[in-house]
PDB file of N, CA and C in Angstrom:
ATOM      1  N   MET A   1     120.746  85.098  18.680  1.00  0.00           N
ATOM      2  CA  MET A   1     121.240  86.489  18.558  1.00  0.00           C
ATOM      3  C   MET A   1     122.676  86.256  18.826  1.00  0.00           C
ATOM      4  N   ARG A   2     123.373  87.098  17.703  1.00  0.00           N
ATOM      5  CA  ARG A   2     124.641  87.346  18.122  1.00  0.00           C
ATOM      6  C   ARG A   2     125.065  88.638  17.295  1.00  0.00           C
ATOM      7  N   LEU A   3     126.164  89.127  17.462  1.00  0.00           N
ATOM      8  CA  LEU A   3     126.774  90.422  16.933  1.00  0.00           C
ATOM      9  C   LEU A   3     127.709  89.801  16.345  1.00  0.00           C
ATOM     10  N   HIS A   4     127.840  90.310  14.862  1.00  0.00           N
ATOM     11  CA  HIS A   4     128.786  89.649  14.015  1.00  0.00           C
ATOM     12  C   HIS A   4     129.509  91.003  13.055  1.00  0.00           C
ATOM     13  N   GLU A   5     130.519  91.627  13.265  1.00  0.00           N
ATOM     14  CA  GLU A   5     131.209  92.491  12.556  1.00  0.00           C
ATOM     15  C   GLU A   5     130.045  93.865  12.594  1.00  0.00           C
ATOM     16  N   GLY A   6     129.634  93.988  13.565  1.00  0.00           N
ATOM     17  CA  GLY A   6     128.737  95.295  13.677  1.00  0.00           C
ATOM     18  C   GLY A   6     127.285  95.209  13.283  1.00  0.00           C
ATOM     19  N   ARG A   7     126.941  94.083  12.690  1.00  0.00           N
ATOM     20  CA  ARG A   7     125.538  93.526  12.515  1.00  0.00           C
ATOM     21  C   ARG A   7     124.855  92.659  13.260  1.00  0.00           C
ATOM     22  N   LEU A   8     123.784  92.400  13.867  1.00  0.00           N
ATOM     23  CA  LEU A   8     123.150  91.453  14.542  1.00  0.00           C
ATOM     24  C   LEU A   8     122.590  90.491  13.962  1.00  0.00           C
ATOM     25  N   VAL A   9     122.770  89.047  14.029  1.00  0.00           N
ATOM     26  CA  VAL A   9     122.742  88.037  13.493  1.00  0.00           C
ATOM     27  C   VAL A   9     121.485  87.408  14.446  1.00  0.00           C
ATOM     28  N   VAL A  10     120.259  87.048  13.495  1.00  0.00           N
ATOM     29  CA  VAL A  10     119.066  86.930  14.387  1.00  0.00           C
ATOM     30  C   VAL A  10     118.685  85.730  13.513  1.00  0.00           C
ATOM     31  N   ALA A  11     118.008  84.809  14.673  1.00  0.00           N
ATOM     32  CA  ALA A  11     117.303  83.159  14.137  1.00  0.00           C
ATOM     33  C   ALA A  11     116.033  83.779  13.951  1.00  0.00           C
ATOM     34  N   MET A  12     115.653  83.299  13.006  1.00  0.00           N
ATOM     35  CA  MET A  12     113.878  83.325  12.849  1.00  0.00           C
ATOM     36  C   MET A  12     113.311  82.214  11.967  1.00  0.00           C
ATOM     37  N   SER A  13     112.253  81.756  12.578  1.00  0.00           N
ATOM     38  CA  SER A  13     111.664  80.917  11.492  1.00  0.00           C
ATOM     39  C   SER A  13     111.035  81.425  10.437  1.00  0.00           C
ATOM     40  N   ASP A  14     110.975  82.685  10.667  1.00  0.00           N
ATOM     41  CA  ASP A  14     110.403  83.340   8.940  1.00  0.00           C
ATOM     42  C   ASP A  14     111.342  84.394   9.044  1.00  0.00           C
ATOM     43  N   PRO A  15     112.140  84.377   8.335  1.00  0.00           N
ATOM     44  CA  PRO A  15     112.996  85.594   7.629  1.00  0.00           C
ATOM     45  C   PRO A  15     112.574  86.453   6.926  1.00  0.00           C
ATOM     46  N   THR A  16     111.216  86.372   6.650  1.00  0.00           N
ATOM     47  CA  THR A  16     110.926  87.249   5.494  1.00  0.00           C
ATOM     48  C   THR A  16     109.845  88.368   6.203  1.00  0.00           C
ATOM     49  N   ASP A  17     109.637  88.016   7.468  1.00  0.00           N
ATOM     50  CA  ASP A  17     109.058  88.677   8.579  1.00  0.00           C
ATOM     51  C   ASP A  17     109.454  90.342   8.353  1.00  0.00           C
ATOM     52  N   VAL A  18     109.438  90.988   7.512  1.00  0.00           N
ATOM     53  CA  VAL A  18     110.068  92.368   7.223  1.00  0.00           C
ATOM     54  C   VAL A  18     109.704  93.280   8.566  1.00  0.00           C
ATOM     55  N   TYR A  19     108.481  93.077   9.229  1.00  0.00           N
ATOM     56  CA  TYR A  19     108.015  94.270  10.262  1.00  0.00           C
ATOM     57  C   TYR A  19     108.917  93.672  11.223  1.00  0.00           C
ATOM     58  N   THR A  20     109.141  92.459  11.532  1.00  0.00           N
ATOM     59  CA  THR A  20     109.644  92.185  13.013  1.00  0.00           C
ATOM     60  C   THR A  20     111.296  92.464  12.853  1.00  0.00           C
ATOM     61  N   LEU A  21     112.069  92.534  11.356  1.00  0.00           N
ATOM     62  CA  LEU A  21     113.297  92.746  11.072  1.00  0.00           C
ATOM     63  C   LEU A  21     113.361  94.447  11.105  1.00  0.00           C
ATOM     64  N   ASP A  22     112.279  95.124  10.809  1.00  0.00           N
ATOM     65  CA  ASP A  22     112.599  96.409  10.825  1.00  0.00           C
ATOM     66  C   ASP A  22     112.270  97.057  12.315  1.00  0.00           C
ATOM     67  N   ASP A  23     111.606  96.380  13.023  1.00  0.00           N
ATOM     68  CA  ASP A  23     111.215  96.837  14.419  1.00  0.00           C
ATOM     69  C   ASP A  23     112.651  96.655  15.235  1.00  0.00           C
ATOM     70  N   LEU A  24     113.552  95.350  15.085  1.00  0.00           N
ATOM     71  CA  LEU A  24     114.587  95.131  15.429  1.00  0.00           C
ATOM     72  C   LEU A  24     115.830  96.343  15.107  1.00  0.00           C
ATOM     73  N   ARG A  25     115.425  95.895  13.893  1.00  0.00           N
ATOM     74  CA  ARG A  25     116.522  97.554  13.477  1.00  0.00           C
ATOM     75  C   ARG A  25     116.392  98.759  13.887  1.00  0.00           C
ATOM     76  N   VAL A  26     115.229  99.070  14.454  1.00  0.00           N
ATOM     77  CA  VAL A  26     114.944 100.383  14.686  1.00  0.00           C
ATOM     78  C   VAL A  26     115.175 100.362  16.577  1.00  0.00           C
ATOM     79  N   ALA A  27     114.976  99.425  17.064  1.00  0.00           N
ATOM     80  CA  ALA A  27     115.151  99.113  18.541  1.00  0.00           C
ATOM     81  C   ALA A  27     116.863  98.989  18.758  1.00  0.00           C
ATOM     82  N   CYS A  28     117.254  98.364  17.788  1.00  0.00           N
ATOM     83  CA  CYS A  28     118.992  98.339  18.273  1.00  0.00           C
ATOM     84  C   CYS A  28     119.824  99.215  17.419  1.00  0.00           C
ATOM     85  N   GLY A  29     119.444  99.679  16.828  1.00  0.00           N
ATOM     86  CA  GLY A  29     120.330 100.323  15.759  1.00  0.00           C
ATOM     87  C   GLY A  29     121.339  99.794  14.847  1.00  0.00           C
ATOM     88  N   LEU A  30     121.092  98.619  14.757  1.00  0.00           N
ATOM     89  CA  LEU A  30     122.095  98.049  13.919  1.00  0.00           C
ATOM     90  C   LEU A  30     121.572  97.258  12.611  1.00  0.00           C
ATOM     91  N   SER A  31     122.362  96.906  11.824  1.00  0.00           N
ATOM     92  CA  SER A  31     121.541  96.353  10.612  1.00  0.00           C
ATOM     93  C   SER A  31     121.452  94.756  11.051  1.00  0.00           C
ATOM     94  N   ILE A  32     120.294  94.139  10.356  1.00  0.00           N
ATOM     95  CA  ILE A  32     119.987  92.559  10.875  1.00  0.00           C
ATOM     96  C   ILE A  32     120.263  92.017   9.905  1.00  0.00           C
ATOM     97  N   VAL A  33     120.617  90.764  10.190  1.00  0.00           N
ATOM     98  CA  VAL A  33     121.129  89.568   9.118  1.00  0.00           C
ATOM     99  C   VAL A  33     120.217  88.487   9.832  1.00  0.00           C
ATOM    100  N   PRO A  34     119.046  88.186   8.927  1.00  0.00           N
ATOM    101  CA  PRO A  34     118.235  86.753   9.444  1.00  0.00           C
ATOM    102  C   PRO A  34     118.911  85.631   8.924  1.00  0.00           C
ATOM    103  N   VAL A  35     118.822  84.913  10.063  1.00  0.00           N
ATOM    104  CA  VAL A  35     119.168  83.370   9.461  1.00  0.00           C
ATOM    105  C   VAL A  35     118.108  82.242  10.023  1.00  0.00           C
ATOM    106  N   VAL A  36     117.713  81.386   9.139  1.00  0.00           N
ATOM    107  CA  VAL A  36     116.339  80.475   9.203  1.00  0.00           C
ATOM    108  C   VAL A  36     116.780  79.324  10.375  1.00  0.00           C
ATOM    109  N   THR A  37     116.010  79.122  11.002  1.00  0.00           N
ATOM    110  CA  THR A  37     115.688  78.071  12.101  1.00  0.00           C
ATOM    111  C   THR A  37     114.355  77.466  12.278  1.00  0.00           C
ATOM    112  N   THR A  38     114.316  76.428  12.434  1.00  0.00           N
ATOM    113  CA  THR A  38     112.906  76.074  13.011  1.00  0.00           C
ATOM    114  C   THR A  38     112.214  76.523  13.843  1.00  0.00           C
ATOM    115  N   GLU A  39     111.083  76.372  14.127  1.00  0.00           N
ATOM    116  CA  GLU A  39     110.129  76.814  15.355  1.00  0.00           C
ATOM    117  C   GLU A  39     110.669  76.156  16.452  1.00  0.00           C
ATOM    118  N   GLU A  40     110.836  74.851  16.620  1.00  0.00           N
ATOM    119  CA  GLU A  40     111.270  73.830  17.679  1.00  0.00           C
ATOM    120  C   GLU A  40     112.793  74.428  17.982  1.00  0.00           C
ATOM    121  N   ARG A  41     113.300  74.290  17.501  1.00  0.00           N
ATOM    122  CA  ARG A  41     114.857  75.386  17.948  1.00  0.00           C
ATOM    123  C   ARG A  41     114.621  76.301  18.398  1.00  0.00           C
ATOM    124  N   LEU A  42     113.784  77.522  17.837  1.00  0.00           N
ATOM    125  CA  LEU A  42     113.567  78.539  18.925  1.00  0.00           C
ATOM    126  C   LEU A  42     113.088  78.345  20.152  1.00  0.00           C
ATOM    127  N   ARG A  43     112.185  77.293  20.566  1.00  0.00           N
ATOM    128  CA  ARG A  43     111.682  77.558  21.499  1.00  0.00           C
ATOM    129  C   ARG A  43     112.315  76.396  22.387  1.00  0.00           C
ATOM    130  N   ARG A  44     113.245  75.791  22.188  1.00  0.00           N
ATOM    131  CA  ARG A  44     114.496  75.023  22.858  1.00  0.00           C
ATOM    132  C   ARG A  44     115.329  75.876  23.443  1.00  0.00           C
ATOM    133  N   MET A  45     115.788  76.824  22.413  1.00  0.00           N
ATOM    134  CA  MET A  45     116.824  78.083  23.113  1.00  0.00           C
ATOM    135  C   MET A  45     116.036  78.794  23.980  1.00  0.00           C
ATOM    136  N   LEU A  46     114.745  79.124  23.491  1.00  0.00           N
ATOM    137  CA  LEU A  46     114.125  80.279  24.315  1.00  0.00           C
ATOM    138  C   LEU A  46     113.978  79.399  26.143  1.00  0.00           C
ATOM    139  N   ALA A  47     113.604  78.273  26.139  1.00  0.00           N
ATOM    140  CA  ALA A  47     113.469  77.579  27.366  1.00  0.00           C
ATOM    141  C   ALA A  47     114.563  77.404  28.017  1.00  0.00           C
ATOM    142  N   ARG A  48     115.642  77.145  27.427  1.00  0.00           N
ATOM    143  CA  ARG A  48     117.411  77.035  28.186  1.00  0.00           C
ATOM    144  C   ARG A  48     117.458  78.709  28.298  1.00  0.00           C
ATOM    145  N   VAL A  49     117.372  79.389  27.784  1.00  0.00           N
ATOM    146  CA  VAL A  49     117.808  80.793  28.127  1.00  0.00           C
ATOM    147  C   VAL A  49     116.852  81.302  29.394  1.00  0.00           C
ATOM    148  N   PHE A  50     115.743  81.020  29.264  1.00  0.00           N
ATOM    149  CA  PHE A  50     114.677  81.140  30.572  1.00  0.00           C
ATOM    150  C   PHE A  50     115.144  80.605  31.719  1.00  0.00           C
ATOM    151  N   SER A  51     115.489  79.299  31.782  1.00  0.00           N
ATOM    152  CA  SER A  51     115.593  78.614  32.539  1.00  0.00           C
ATOM    153  C   SER A  51     116.774  79.123  33.338  1.00  0.00           C
ATOM    154  N   THR A  52     117.814  79.227  32.509  1.00  0.00           N
ATOM    155  CA  THR A  52     119.219  79.820  33.148  1.00  0.00           C
ATOM    156  C   THR A  52     118.548  81.156  33.888  1.00  0.00           C
ATOM    157  N   GLY A  53     117.995  82.013  33.180  1.00  0.00           N
ATOM    158  CA  GLY A  53     117.609  83.337  34.103  1.00  0.00           C
ATOM    159  C   GLY A  53     116.846  83.054  35.290  1.00  0.00           C
ATOM    160  N   GLU A  54     115.939  82.154  35.267  1.00  0.00           N
ATOM    161  CA  GLU A  54     115.467  81.867  36.705  1.00  0.00           C
ATOM    162  C   GLU A  54     116.470  81.378  37.660  1.00  0.00           C
ATOM    163  N   GLN A  55     117.478  80.563  37.174  1.00  0.00           N
ATOM    164  CA  GLN A  55     118.558  80.031  38.181  1.00  0.00           C
ATOM    165  C   GLN A  55     119.162  81.178  38.667  1.00  0.00           C
ATOM    166  N   VAL A  56     119.599  82.023  37.758  1.00  0.00           N
ATOM    167  CA  VAL A  56     120.560  83.171  38.377  1.00  0.00           C
ATOM    168  C   VAL A  56     119.612  84.058  39.371  1.00  0.00           C
ATOM    169  N   ALA A  57     118.524  84.427  38.860  1.00  0.00           N
ATOM    170  CA  ALA A  57     117.573  85.053  39.741  1.00  0.00           C
ATOM    171  C   ALA A  57     117.353  84.759  41.562  1.00  0.00           C
ATOM    172  N   GLY A  58     116.941  82.877  41.115  1.00  0.00           N
ATOM    173  CA  GLY A  58     117.029  82.261  42.519  1.00  0.00           C
ATOM    174  C   GLY A  58     118.587  82.525  43.341  1.00  0.00           C
ATOM    175  N   LEU A  59     119.566  82.517  42.510  1.00  0.00           N
ATOM    176  CA  LEU A  59     120.794  82.701  43.101  1.00  0.00           C
ATOM    177  C   LEU A  59     120.900  83.927  44.061  1.00  0.00           C
ATOM    178  N   LEU A  60     120.391  84.954  43.099  1.00  0.00           N
ATOM    179  CA  LEU A  60     120.776  86.150  43.619  1.00  0.00           C
ATOM    180  C   LEU A  60     119.642  86.376  44.830  1.00  0.00           C
ATOM    181  N   GLN A  61     118.317  85.963  44.770  1.00  0.00           N
ATOM    182  CA  GLN A  61     117.758  86.276  45.768  1.00  0.00           C
ATOM    183  C   GLN A  61     117.877  85.523  47.081  1.00  0.00           C
ATOM    184  N   GLU A  62     118.878  84.332  46.989  1.00  0.00           N
ATOM    185  CA  GLU A  62     119.336  83.531  47.854  1.00  0.00           C
ATOM    186  C   GLU A  62     120.328  84.650  48.734  1.00  0.00           C
ATOM    187  N   ALA A  63     121.395  84.880  47.805  1.00  0.00           N
ATOM    188  CA  ALA A  63     121.871  85.873  48.288  1.00  0.00           C
ATOM    189  C   ALA A  63     121.840  86.942  49.260  1.00  0.00           C
ATOM    190  N   ALA A  64     120.510  87.409  48.864  1.00  0.00           N
ATOM    191  CA  ALA A  64     119.893  88.587  49.138  1.00  0.00           C
ATOM    192  C   ALA A  64     119.386  88.234  50.375  1.00  0.00           C
ATOM    193  N   ASP A  65     119.009  87.118  50.585  1.00  0.00           N
ATOM    194  CA  ASP A  65     118.089  86.506  51.736  1.00  0.00           C
ATOM    195  C   ASP A  65     119.036  86.397  52.995  1.00  0.00           C
ATOM    196  N   ASP A  66     120.561  86.042  52.498  1.00  0.00           N
ATOM    197  CA  ASP A  66     121.623  85.638  53.356  1.00  0.00           C
ATOM    198  C   ASP A  66     122.230  87.151  54.155  1.00  0.00           C
ATOM    199  N   ARG A  67     122.062  88.029  53.464  1.00  0.00           N
ATOM    200  CA  ARG A  67     122.850  89.013  53.857  1.00  0.00           C
ATOM    201  C   ARG A  67     121.885  89.476  55.388  1.00  0.00           C
ATOM    202  N   PRO A  68     123.115  90.004  56.229  1.00  0.00           N
ATOM    203  CA  PRO A  68     122.649  90.230  57.637  1.00  0.00           C
ATOM    204  C   PRO A  68     122.066  91.553  57.499  1.00  0.00           C
ATOM    205  N   GLU A  69     120.930  91.739  58.214  1.00  0.00           N
ATOM    206  CA  GLU A  69     120.165  93.006  58.153  1.00  0.00           C
ATOM    207  C   GLU A  69     121.117  94.261  58.393  1.00  0.00           C
ATOM    208  N   ASP A  70     121.850  94.439  59.678  1.00  0.00           N
ATOM    209  CA  ASP A  70     122.636  95.634  59.983  1.00  0.00           C
ATOM    210  C   ASP A  70     123.813  95.127  60.610  1.00  0.00           C
ATOM    211  N   VAL A  71     124.854  95.499  59.763  1.00  0.00           N
ATOM    212  CA  VAL A  71     126.325  94.999  60.310  1.00  0.00           C
ATOM    213  C   VAL A  71     126.803  95.867  61.413  1.00  0.00           C
ATOM    214  N   GLY A  72     126.091  97.057  61.647  1.00  0.00           N
ATOM    215  CA  GLY A  72     126.328  98.116  62.483  1.00  0.00           C
ATOM    216  C   GLY A  72     128.012  98.123  62.513  1.00  0.00           C
ATOM    217  N   ASP A  73     128.710  98.750  63.805  1.00  0.00           N
ATOM    218  CA  ASP A  73     130.104  98.919  63.660  1.00  0.00           C
ATOM    219  C   ASP A  73     130.614  97.303  63.538  1.00  0.00           C
ATOM    220  N   LEU A  74     131.064  96.986  62.270  1.00  0.00           N
ATOM    221  CA  LEU A  74     131.925  95.736  61.668  1.00  0.00           C
ATOM    222  C   LEU A  74     133.497  95.985  62.211  1.00  0.00           C
ATOM    223  N   ASP A  75     133.824  95.063  62.934  1.00  0.00           N
ATOM    224  CA  ASP A  75     135.217  95.067  63.227  1.00  0.00           C
ATOM    225  C   ASP A  75     135.996  94.456  62.094  1.00  0.00           C
ATOM    226  N   LEU A  76     136.842  95.096  61.079  1.00  0.00           N
ATOM    227  CA  LEU A  76     137.714  94.408  60.311  1.00  0.00           C
ATOM    228  C   LEU A  76     138.988  94.101  60.850  1.00  0.00           C
ATOM    229  N   GLY A  77     139.055  94.563  62.264  1.00  0.00           N
ATOM    230  CA  GLY A  77     140.551  94.450  62.387  1.00  0.00           C
ATOM    231  C   GLY A  77     141.799  95.278  61.985  1.00  0.00           C
ATOM    232  N   VAL A  78     141.165  96.350  61.267  1.00  0.00           N
ATOM    233  CA  VAL A  78     142.113  97.509  60.750  1.00  0.00           C
ATOM    234  C   VAL A  78     141.871  98.762  61.362  1.00  0.00           C
ATOM    235  N   GLU A  79     143.001  99.118  62.006  1.00  0.00           N
ATOM    236  CA  GLU A  79     142.421 100.800  62.702  1.00  0.00           C
ATOM    237  C   GLU A  79     142.589 101.544  61.504  1.00  0.00           C
ATOM    238  N   THR A  80     141.478 102.571  61.315  1.00  0.00           N
ATOM    239  CA  THR A  80     141.304 103.722  60.691  1.00  0.00           C
ATOM    240  C   THR A  80     141.602 104.844  61.162  1.00  0.00           C
ATOM    241  N   PRO A  81     142.798 105.479  60.659  1.00  0.00           N
ATOM    242  CA  PRO A  81     143.224 106.990  60.968  1.00  0.00           C
ATOM    243  C   PRO A  81     142.226 108.097  60.984  1.00  0.00           C
ATOM    244  N   THR A  82     142.220 108.856  62.298  1.00  0.00           N
ATOM    245  CA  THR A  82     141.176 109.879  62.467  1.00  0.00           C
ATOM    246  C   THR A  82     141.978 110.919  61.364  1.00  0.00           C
ATOM    247  N   PRO A  83     140.820 111.514  60.714  1.00  0.00           N
ATOM    248  CA  PRO A  83     141.325 113.041  59.708  1.00  0.00           C
ATOM    249  C   PRO A  83     141.815 113.921  61.039  1.00  0.00           C
ATOM    250  N   ARG A  84     142.627 114.673  60.541  1.00  0.00           N
ATOM    251  CA  ARG A  84     143.302 115.924  61.060  1.00  0.00           C
ATOM    252  C   ARG A  84     142.841 117.120  60.527  1.00  0.00           C
ATOM    253  N   MET A  85     142.194 118.176  61.098  1.00  0.00           N
ATOM    254  CA  MET A  85     141.712 119.477  60.188  1.00  0.00           C
ATOM    255  C   MET A  85     142.901 120.331  60.618  1.00  0.00           C
ATOM    256  N   ARG A  86     143.663 120.859  59.745  1.00  0.00           N
ATOM    257  CA  ARG A  86     144.488 122.034  59.862  1.00  0.00           C
ATOM    258  C   ARG A  86     143.863 123.484  60.025  1.00  0.00           C
ATOM    259  N   PRO A  87     144.563 124.119  60.774  1.00  0.00           N
ATOM    260  CA  PRO A  87     143.570 125.328  61.099  1.00  0.00           C
ATOM    261  C   PRO A  87     143.612 126.322  59.840  1.00  0.00           C
ATOM    262  N   TRP A  88     142.506 126.651  60.016  1.00  0.00           N
ATOM    263  CA  TRP A  88     142.078 127.748  58.876  1.00  0.00           C
ATOM    264  C   TRP A  88     143.053 128.819  58.117  1.00  0.00           C
ATOM    265  N   SER A  89     143.925 129.360  59.162  1.00  0.00           N
ATOM    266  CA  SER A  89     144.978 130.259  58.819  1.00  0.00           C
ATOM    267  C   SER A  89     146.217 129.397  57.897  1.00  0.00           C
ATOM    268  N   SER A  90     146.263 128.072  58.188  1.00  0.00           N
ATOM    269  CA  SER A  90     147.136 127.288  57.253  1.00  0.00           C
ATOM    270  C   SER A  90     146.939 127.127  56.227  1.00  0.00           C
ATOM    271  N   TRP A  91     145.729 127.458  55.448  1.00  0.00           N
ATOM    272  CA  TRP A  91     145.685 127.172  54.020  1.00  0.00           C
ATOM    273  C   TRP A  91     145.649 128.161  53.125  1.00  0.00           C
TER     274      TRP A  91
END
């Protein structure tokens, strides 16, 4: 899939599948341009996309697991000024 000049270009093994084309058009609100590919190429591409997605999910999970539970009062070495309230009469 790719977006080209405001239309969604979709690789399909059966570009005459009007039901799928119509579902895509309704779902994304774009004109659909079907292009022919083999089922084998579709399978390989899907496997590549999903394996990449799983790798990203694994990395995100690792990052979440490495996060400290509670940082409490974290000292960043920077003094934060305390806001001062003006008397109500000076507003």
